[in-house]
Amino acid sequence: MRLEYRTGKRGYTIWLERDLFGSFVLYRRWYGLHNRRGGMKRQVFEREQEALKEMRRIVRVRERHGYAPANSAASP
């Protein structure tokens, strides 16, 4: 599952993967659309429901900060 959000100047991508040990890894990447600023964060969850709950929380925060979906991926 991969979600991408953007404003006029910034982008934010969230995706969820399963690692070799069976844990769920939530990746976040933020970046400037017109500069080289940005970063990345990775969180590991034992249960998928916990990861999806965190993903929904992040989406709510991004939308409150003015980000809009950049693709037509399904929301968590």
PDB file of N, CA and C in Angstrom:
ATOM      1  N   MET A   1       0.841  -1.161   0.000  1.00  0.00           N
ATOM      2  CA  MET A   1       0.000   0.000   0.000  1.00  0.00           C
ATOM      3  C   MET A   1       0.895   1.235   0.000  1.00  0.00           C
ATOM      4  N   ARG A   2       0.632   2.147  -0.921  1.00  0.00           N
ATOM      5  CA  ARG A   2       1.441   3.355  -1.044  1.00  0.00           C
ATOM      6  C   ARG A   2       0.518   4.552  -1.259  1.00  0.00           C
ATOM      7  N   LEU A   3       0.740   5.612  -0.476  1.00  0.00           N
ATOM      8  CA  LEU A   3      -0.040   6.836  -0.582  1.00  0.00           C
ATOM      9  C   LEU A   3       0.913   8.001  -0.785  1.00  0.00           C
ATOM     10  N   GLU A   4       0.507   8.931  -1.632  1.00  0.00           N
ATOM     11  CA  GLU A   4       1.339  10.111  -1.873  1.00  0.00           C
ATOM     12  C   GLU A   4       0.481  11.360  -1.738  1.00  0.00           C
ATOM     13  N   TYR A   5       1.008  12.346  -1.012  1.00  0.00           N
ATOM     14  CA  TYR A   5       0.322  13.607  -0.772  1.00  0.00           C
ATOM     15  C   TYR A   5       1.240  14.755  -1.160  1.00  0.00           C
ATOM     16  N   ARG A   6       0.637  15.860  -1.619  1.00  0.00           N
ATOM     17  CA  ARG A   6       1.435  17.013  -2.023  1.00  0.00           C
ATOM     18  C   ARG A   6       0.729  18.306  -1.683  1.00  0.00           C
ATOM     19  N   THR A   7       1.546  19.331  -1.491  1.00  0.00           N
ATOM     20  CA  THR A   7       1.081  20.710  -1.465  1.00  0.00           C
ATOM     21  C   THR A   7       1.737  21.378  -2.670  1.00  0.00           C
ATOM     22  N   GLY A   8       1.685  22.680  -2.730  1.00  0.00           N
ATOM     23  CA  GLY A   8       2.325  23.375  -3.841  1.00  0.00           C
ATOM     24  C   GLY A   8       3.844  23.278  -3.826  1.00  0.00           C
ATOM     25  N   LYS A   9       4.429  23.069  -2.635  1.00  0.00           N
ATOM     26  CA  LYS A   9       5.882  23.074  -2.508  1.00  0.00           C
ATOM     27  C   LYS A   9       6.477  21.795  -1.926  1.00  0.00           C
ATOM     28  N   ARG A  10       5.648  20.958  -1.309  1.00  0.00           N
ATOM     29  CA  ARG A  10       6.172  19.782  -0.610  1.00  0.00           C
ATOM     30  C   ARG A  10       5.440  18.508  -1.004  1.00  0.00           C
ATOM     31  N   GLY A  11       6.121  17.392  -0.806  1.00  0.00           N
ATOM     32  CA  GLY A  11       5.527  16.093  -1.056  1.00  0.00           C
ATOM     33  C   GLY A  11       5.740  15.177   0.142  1.00  0.00           C
ATOM     34  N   TYR A  12       4.864  14.185   0.290  1.00  0.00           N
ATOM     35  CA  TYR A  12       4.923  13.257   1.414  1.00  0.00           C
ATOM     36  C   TYR A  12       4.437  11.904   0.921  1.00  0.00           C
ATOM     37  N   THR A  13       5.232  10.877   1.080  1.00  0.00           N
ATOM     38  CA  THR A  13       4.861   9.541   0.631  1.00  0.00           C
ATOM     39  C   THR A  13       4.879   8.591   1.824  1.00  0.00           C
ATOM     40  N   ILE A  14       3.874   7.737   1.900  1.00  0.00           N
ATOM     41  CA  ILE A  14       3.761   6.740   2.970  1.00  0.00           C
ATOM     42  C   ILE A  14       3.559   5.384   2.306  1.00  0.00           C
ATOM     43  N   TRP A  15       4.278   4.373   2.760  1.00  0.00           N
ATOM     44  CA  TRP A  15       4.019   3.043   2.246  1.00  0.00           C
ATOM     45  C   TRP A  15       4.277   2.005   3.326  1.00  0.00           C
ATOM     46  N   LEU A  16       3.589   0.884   3.190  1.00  0.00           N
ATOM     47  CA  LEU A  16       3.630  -0.191   4.172  1.00  0.00           C
ATOM     48  C   LEU A  16       4.118  -1.459   3.487  1.00  0.00           C
ATOM     49  N   GLU A  17       5.108  -2.104   4.103  1.00  0.00           N
ATOM     50  CA  GLU A  17       5.655  -3.352   3.569  1.00  0.00           C
ATOM     51  C   GLU A  17       5.812  -4.352   4.699  1.00  0.00           C
ATOM     52  N   ARG A  18       5.936  -5.583   4.333  1.00  0.00           N
ATOM     53  CA  ARG A  18       6.216  -6.643   5.300  1.00  0.00           C
ATOM     54  C   ARG A  18       7.666  -7.064   5.120  1.00  0.00           C
ATOM     55  N   ASP A  19       8.407  -7.182   6.235  1.00  0.00           N
ATOM     56  CA  ASP A  19       9.814  -7.554   6.123  1.00  0.00           C
ATOM     57  C   ASP A  19       9.993  -9.071   6.198  1.00  0.00           C
ATOM     58  N   LEU A  20      11.222  -9.525   6.121  1.00  0.00           N
ATOM     59  CA  LEU A  20      11.518 -10.965   6.115  1.00  0.00           C
ATOM     60  C   LEU A  20      11.178 -11.658   7.423  1.00  0.00           C
ATOM     61  N   PHE A  21      11.043 -10.897   8.496  1.00  0.00           N
ATOM     62  CA  PHE A  21      10.741 -11.472   9.804  1.00  0.00           C
ATOM     63  C   PHE A  21       9.254 -11.466  10.120  1.00  0.00           C
ATOM     64  N   GLY A  22       8.441 -10.998   9.189  1.00  0.00           N
ATOM     65  CA  GLY A  22       6.996 -10.991   9.366  1.00  0.00           C
ATOM     66  C   GLY A  22       6.455  -9.720   9.991  1.00  0.00           C
ATOM     67  N   SER A  23       7.309  -8.772  10.307  1.00  0.00           N
ATOM     68  CA  SER A  23       6.854  -7.499  10.871  1.00  0.00           C
ATOM     69  C   SER A  23       6.387  -6.577   9.744  1.00  0.00           C
ATOM     70  N   PHE A  24       5.598  -5.590  10.123  1.00  0.00           N
ATOM     71  CA  PHE A  24       5.110  -4.600   9.170  1.00  0.00           C
ATOM     72  C   PHE A  24       5.929  -3.330   9.339  1.00  0.00           C
ATOM     73  N   VAL A  25       6.457  -2.832   8.238  1.00  0.00           N
ATOM     74  CA  VAL A  25       7.318  -1.651   8.274  1.00  0.00           C
ATOM     75  C   VAL A  25       6.607  -0.515   7.553  1.00  0.00           C
ATOM     76  N   LEU A  26       6.419   0.578   8.288  1.00  0.00           N
ATOM     77  CA  LEU A  26       5.778   1.769   7.749  1.00  0.00           C
ATOM     78  C   LEU A  26       6.873   2.784   7.422  1.00  0.00           C
ATOM     79  N   TYR A  27       6.978   3.140   6.153  1.00  0.00           N
ATOM     80  CA  TYR A  27       7.975   4.098   5.690  1.00  0.00           C
ATOM     81  C   TYR A  27       7.292   5.431   5.425  1.00  0.00           C
ATOM     82  N   ARG A  28       7.971   6.516   5.790  1.00  0.00           N
ATOM     83  CA  ARG A  28       7.506   7.864   5.486  1.00  0.00           C
ATOM     84  C   ARG A  28       8.656   8.604   4.826  1.00  0.00           C
ATOM     85  N   ARG A  29       8.342   9.315   3.775  1.00  0.00           N
ATOM     86  CA  ARG A  29       9.364  10.113   3.085  1.00  0.00           C
ATOM     87  C   ARG A  29       8.766  11.472   2.782  1.00  0.00           C
ATOM     88  N   TRP A  30       9.463  12.521   3.156  1.00  0.00           N
ATOM     89  CA  TRP A  30       9.012  13.874   2.867  1.00  0.00           C
ATOM     90  C   TRP A  30      10.083  14.577   2.063  1.00  0.00           C
ATOM     91  N   TYR A  31       9.653  15.494   1.209  1.00  0.00           N
ATOM     92  CA  TYR A  31      10.599  16.127   0.297  1.00  0.00           C
ATOM     93  C   TYR A  31      10.038  17.439  -0.221  1.00  0.00           C
ATOM     94  N   GLY A  32      10.928  18.304  -0.649  1.00  0.00           N
ATOM     95  CA  GLY A  32      10.553  19.550  -1.299  1.00  0.00           C
ATOM     96  C   GLY A  32      10.433  19.313  -2.798  1.00  0.00           C
ATOM     97  N   LEU A  33       9.444  19.924  -3.413  1.00  0.00           N
ATOM     98  CA  LEU A  33       9.262  19.750  -4.852  1.00  0.00           C
ATOM     99  C   LEU A  33      10.233  20.606  -5.659  1.00  0.00           C
ATOM    100  N   HIS A  34      10.738  21.679  -5.034  1.00  0.00           N
ATOM    101  CA  HIS A  34      11.616  22.592  -5.749  1.00  0.00           C
ATOM    102  C   HIS A  34      12.988  22.734  -5.098  1.00  0.00           C
ATOM    103  N   ASN A  35      13.300  21.878  -4.157  1.00  0.00           N
ATOM    104  CA  ASN A  35      14.610  21.919  -3.504  1.00  0.00           C
ATOM    105  C   ASN A  35      15.019  20.492  -3.104  1.00  0.00           C
ATOM    106  N   ARG A  36      16.162  20.348  -2.502  1.00  0.00           N
ATOM    107  CA  ARG A  36      16.675  19.024  -2.154  1.00  0.00           C
ATOM    108  C   ARG A  36      16.417  18.650  -0.695  1.00  0.00           C
ATOM    109  N   ARG A  37      15.598  19.406  -0.005  1.00  0.00           N
ATOM    110  CA  ARG A  37      15.322  19.115   1.393  1.00  0.00           C
ATOM    111  C   ARG A  37      14.379  17.937   1.512  1.00  0.00           C
ATOM    112  N   GLY A  38      14.544  17.173   2.583  1.00  0.00           N
ATOM    113  CA  GLY A  38      13.657  16.051   2.815  1.00  0.00           C
ATOM    114  C   GLY A  38      14.247  15.088   3.820  1.00  0.00           C
ATOM    115  N   GLY A  39      13.544  14.018   4.040  1.00  0.00           N
ATOM    116  CA  GLY A  39      14.001  13.021   4.979  1.00  0.00           C
ATOM    117  C   GLY A  39      13.145  11.772   4.891  1.00  0.00           C
ATOM    118  N   MET A  40      13.463  10.821   5.761  1.00  0.00           N
ATOM    119  CA  MET A  40      12.747   9.556   5.753  1.00  0.00           C
ATOM    120  C   MET A  40      12.711   8.988   7.167  1.00  0.00           C
ATOM    121  N   LYS A  41      11.641   8.279   7.476  1.00  0.00           N
ATOM    122  CA  LYS A  41      11.492   7.635   8.774  1.00  0.00           C
ATOM    123  C   LYS A  41      10.908   6.248   8.548  1.00  0.00           C
ATOM    124  N   ARG A  42      11.311   5.310   9.393  1.00  0.00           N
ATOM    125  CA  ARG A  42      10.817   3.938   9.291  1.00  0.00           C
ATOM    126  C   ARG A  42      10.344   3.503  10.674  1.00  0.00           C
ATOM    127  N   GLN A  43       9.137   2.918  10.745  1.00  0.00           N
ATOM    128  CA  GLN A  43       8.601   2.396  11.988  1.00  0.00           C
ATOM    129  C   GLN A  43       8.255   0.930  11.784  1.00  0.00           C
ATOM    130  N   VAL A  44       8.566   0.104  12.773  1.00  0.00           N
ATOM    131  CA  VAL A  44       8.297  -1.327  12.694  1.00  0.00           C
ATOM    132  C   VAL A  44       7.148  -1.665  13.645  1.00  0.00           C
ATOM    133  N   PHE A  45       6.177  -2.426  13.148  1.00  0.00           N
ATOM    134  CA  PHE A  45       5.013  -2.862  13.922  1.00  0.00           C
ATOM    135  C   PHE A  45       4.906  -4.377  13.855  1.00  0.00           C
ATOM    136  N   GLU A  46       4.511  -4.974  14.939  1.00  0.00           N
ATOM    137  CA  GLU A  46       4.306  -6.424  14.961  1.00  0.00           C
ATOM    138  C   GLU A  46       2.978  -6.809  14.325  1.00  0.00           C
ATOM    139  N   ARG A  47       1.960  -5.945  14.476  1.00  0.00           N
ATOM    140  CA  ARG A  47       0.629  -6.250  13.942  1.00  0.00           C
ATOM    141  C   ARG A  47       0.240  -5.264  12.855  1.00  0.00           C
ATOM    142  N   GLU A  48      -0.410  -5.794  11.844  1.00  0.00           N
ATOM    143  CA  GLU A  48      -0.823  -4.964  10.718  1.00  0.00           C
ATOM    144  C   GLU A  48      -1.814  -3.891  11.151  1.00  0.00           C
ATOM    145  N   GLN A  49      -2.717  -4.217  12.066  1.00  0.00           N
ATOM    146  CA  GLN A  49      -3.715  -3.245  12.516  1.00  0.00           C
ATOM    147  C   GLN A  49      -3.074  -2.028  13.160  1.00  0.00           C
ATOM    148  N   GLU A  50      -2.006  -2.223  13.914  1.00  0.00           N
ATOM    149  CA  GLU A  50      -1.299  -1.102  14.525  1.00  0.00           C
ATOM    150  C   GLU A  50      -0.679  -0.211  13.453  1.00  0.00           C
ATOM    151  N   ALA A  51      -0.102  -0.827  12.442  1.00  0.00           N
ATOM    152  CA  ALA A  51       0.519  -0.066  11.348  1.00  0.00           C
ATOM    153  C   ALA A  51      -0.533   0.719  10.578  1.00  0.00           C
ATOM    154  N   LEU A  52      -1.678   0.105  10.300  1.00  0.00           N
ATOM    155  CA  LEU A  52      -2.747   0.799   9.574  1.00  0.00           C
ATOM    156  C   LEU A  52      -3.328   1.940  10.395  1.00  0.00           C
ATOM    157  N   LYS A  53      -3.428   1.747  11.698  1.00  0.00           N
ATOM    158  CA  LYS A  53      -3.921   2.812  12.578  1.00  0.00           C
ATOM    159  C   LYS A  53      -2.980   4.018  12.526  1.00  0.00           C
ATOM    160  N   GLU A  54      -1.671   3.773  12.570  1.00  0.00           N
ATOM    161  CA  GLU A  54      -0.696   4.848  12.488  1.00  0.00           C
ATOM    162  C   GLU A  54      -0.751   5.512  11.116  1.00  0.00           C
ATOM    163  N   MET A  55      -0.949   4.741  10.086  1.00  0.00           N
ATOM    164  CA  MET A  55      -1.040   5.274   8.733  1.00  0.00           C
ATOM    165  C   MET A  55      -2.249   6.207   8.609  1.00  0.00           C
ATOM    166  N   ARG A  56      -3.383   5.815   9.174  1.00  0.00           N
ATOM    167  CA  ARG A  56      -4.574   6.665   9.151  1.00  0.00           C
ATOM    168  C   ARG A  56      -4.334   7.965   9.918  1.00  0.00           C
ATOM    169  N   ARG A  57      -3.629   7.882  11.036  1.00  0.00           N
ATOM    170  CA  ARG A  57      -3.320   9.067  11.831  1.00  0.00           C
ATOM    171  C   ARG A  57      -2.454  10.043  11.020  1.00  0.00           C
ATOM    172  N   ILE A  58      -1.446   9.496  10.344  1.00  0.00           N
ATOM    173  CA  ILE A  58      -0.552  10.327   9.529  1.00  0.00           C
ATOM    174  C   ILE A  58      -1.328  11.009   8.408  1.00  0.00           C
ATOM    175  N   VAL A  59      -2.234  10.295   7.765  1.00  0.00           N
ATOM    176  CA  VAL A  59      -3.032  10.853   6.670  1.00  0.00           C
ATOM    177  C   VAL A  59      -3.882  12.014   7.190  1.00  0.00           C
ATOM    178  N   ARG A  60      -4.501  11.844   8.370  1.00  0.00           N
ATOM    179  CA  ARG A  60      -5.305  12.931   8.945  1.00  0.00           C
ATOM    180  C   ARG A  60      -4.451  14.173   9.193  1.00  0.00           C
ATOM    181  N   VAL A  61      -3.252  13.981   9.729  1.00  0.00           N
ATOM    182  CA  VAL A  61      -2.354  15.109  10.003  1.00  0.00           C
ATOM    183  C   VAL A  61      -1.944  15.794   8.697  1.00  0.00           C
ATOM    184  N   ARG A  62      -1.567  15.010   7.695  1.00  0.00           N
ATOM    185  CA  ARG A  62      -1.167  15.594   6.405  1.00  0.00           C
ATOM    186  C   ARG A  62      -2.314  16.419   5.827  1.00  0.00           C
ATOM    187  N   GLU A  63      -3.534  15.898   5.860  1.00  0.00           N
ATOM    188  CA  GLU A  63      -4.676  16.619   5.299  1.00  0.00           C
ATOM    189  C   GLU A  63      -4.958  17.901   6.074  1.00  0.00           C
ATOM    190  N   ARG A  64      -4.782  17.878   7.393  1.00  0.00           N
ATOM    191  CA  ARG A  64      -4.951  19.092   8.197  1.00  0.00           C
ATOM    192  C   ARG A  64      -3.913  20.143   7.850  1.00  0.00           C
ATOM    193  N   HIS A  65      -2.732  19.695   7.413  1.00  0.00           N
ATOM    194  CA  HIS A  65      -1.649  20.614   7.053  1.00  0.00           C
ATOM    195  C   HIS A  65      -1.705  21.051   5.593  1.00  0.00           C
ATOM    196  N   GLY A  66      -2.800  20.741   4.911  1.00  0.00           N
ATOM    197  CA  GLY A  66      -2.985  21.242   3.557  1.00  0.00           C
ATOM    198  C   GLY A  66      -2.525  20.331   2.449  1.00  0.00           C
ATOM    199  N   TYR A  67      -2.129  19.115   2.741  1.00  0.00           N
ATOM    200  CA  TYR A  67      -1.701  18.180   1.705  1.00  0.00           C
ATOM    201  C   TYR A  67      -2.941  17.563   1.049  1.00  0.00           C
ATOM    202  N   ALA A  68      -2.834  17.286  -0.234  1.00  0.00           N
ATOM    203  CA  ALA A  68      -3.905  16.649  -0.986  1.00  0.00           C
ATOM    204  C   ALA A  68      -3.340  15.388  -1.644  1.00  0.00           C
ATOM    205  N   PRO A  69      -4.165  14.355  -1.831  1.00  0.00           N
ATOM    206  CA  PRO A  69      -3.674  13.138  -2.489  1.00  0.00           C
ATOM    207  C   PRO A  69      -3.128  13.440  -3.877  1.00  0.00           C
ATOM    208  N   ALA A  70      -1.948  12.879  -4.174  1.00  0.00           N
ATOM    209  CA  ALA A  70      -1.311  13.096  -5.466  1.00  0.00           C
ATOM    210  C   ALA A  70      -1.611  11.953  -6.431  1.00  0.00           C
ATOM    211  N   ASN A  71      -2.154  10.872  -5.913  1.00  0.00           N
ATOM    212  CA  ASN A  71      -2.494   9.718  -6.768  1.00  0.00           C
ATOM    213  C   ASN A  71      -3.862   9.208  -6.364  1.00  0.00           C
ATOM    214  N   SER A  72      -4.355   8.238  -7.078  1.00  0.00           N
ATOM    215  CA  SER A  72      -5.692   7.714  -6.815  1.00  0.00           C
ATOM    216  C   SER A  72      -5.657   6.424  -6.013  1.00  0.00           C
ATOM    217  N   ALA A  73      -4.627   6.231  -5.186  1.00  0.00           N
ATOM    218  CA  ALA A  73      -4.532   5.013  -4.368  1.00  0.00           C
ATOM    219  C   ALA A  73      -5.610   5.027  -3.299  1.00  0.00           C
ATOM    220  N   ALA A  74      -6.005   3.842  -2.901  1.00  0.00           N
ATOM    221  CA  ALA A  74      -7.043   3.718  -1.867  1.00  0.00           C
ATOM    222  C   ALA A  74      -6.514   4.175  -0.523  1.00  0.00           C
ATOM    223  N   SER A  75      -7.366   4.809   0.246  1.00  0.00           N
ATOM    224  CA  SER A  75      -6.946   5.263   1.574  1.00  0.00           C
ATOM    225  C   SER A  75      -6.980   4.097   2.556  1.00  0.00           C
ATOM    226  N   PRO A  76      -6.187   4.166   3.638  1.00  0.00           N
ATOM    227  CA  PRO A  76      -6.131   3.060   4.598  1.00  0.00           C
ATOM    228  C   PRO A  76      -7.377   2.941   5.417  1.00  0.00           C
TER     229      PRO A  76
END
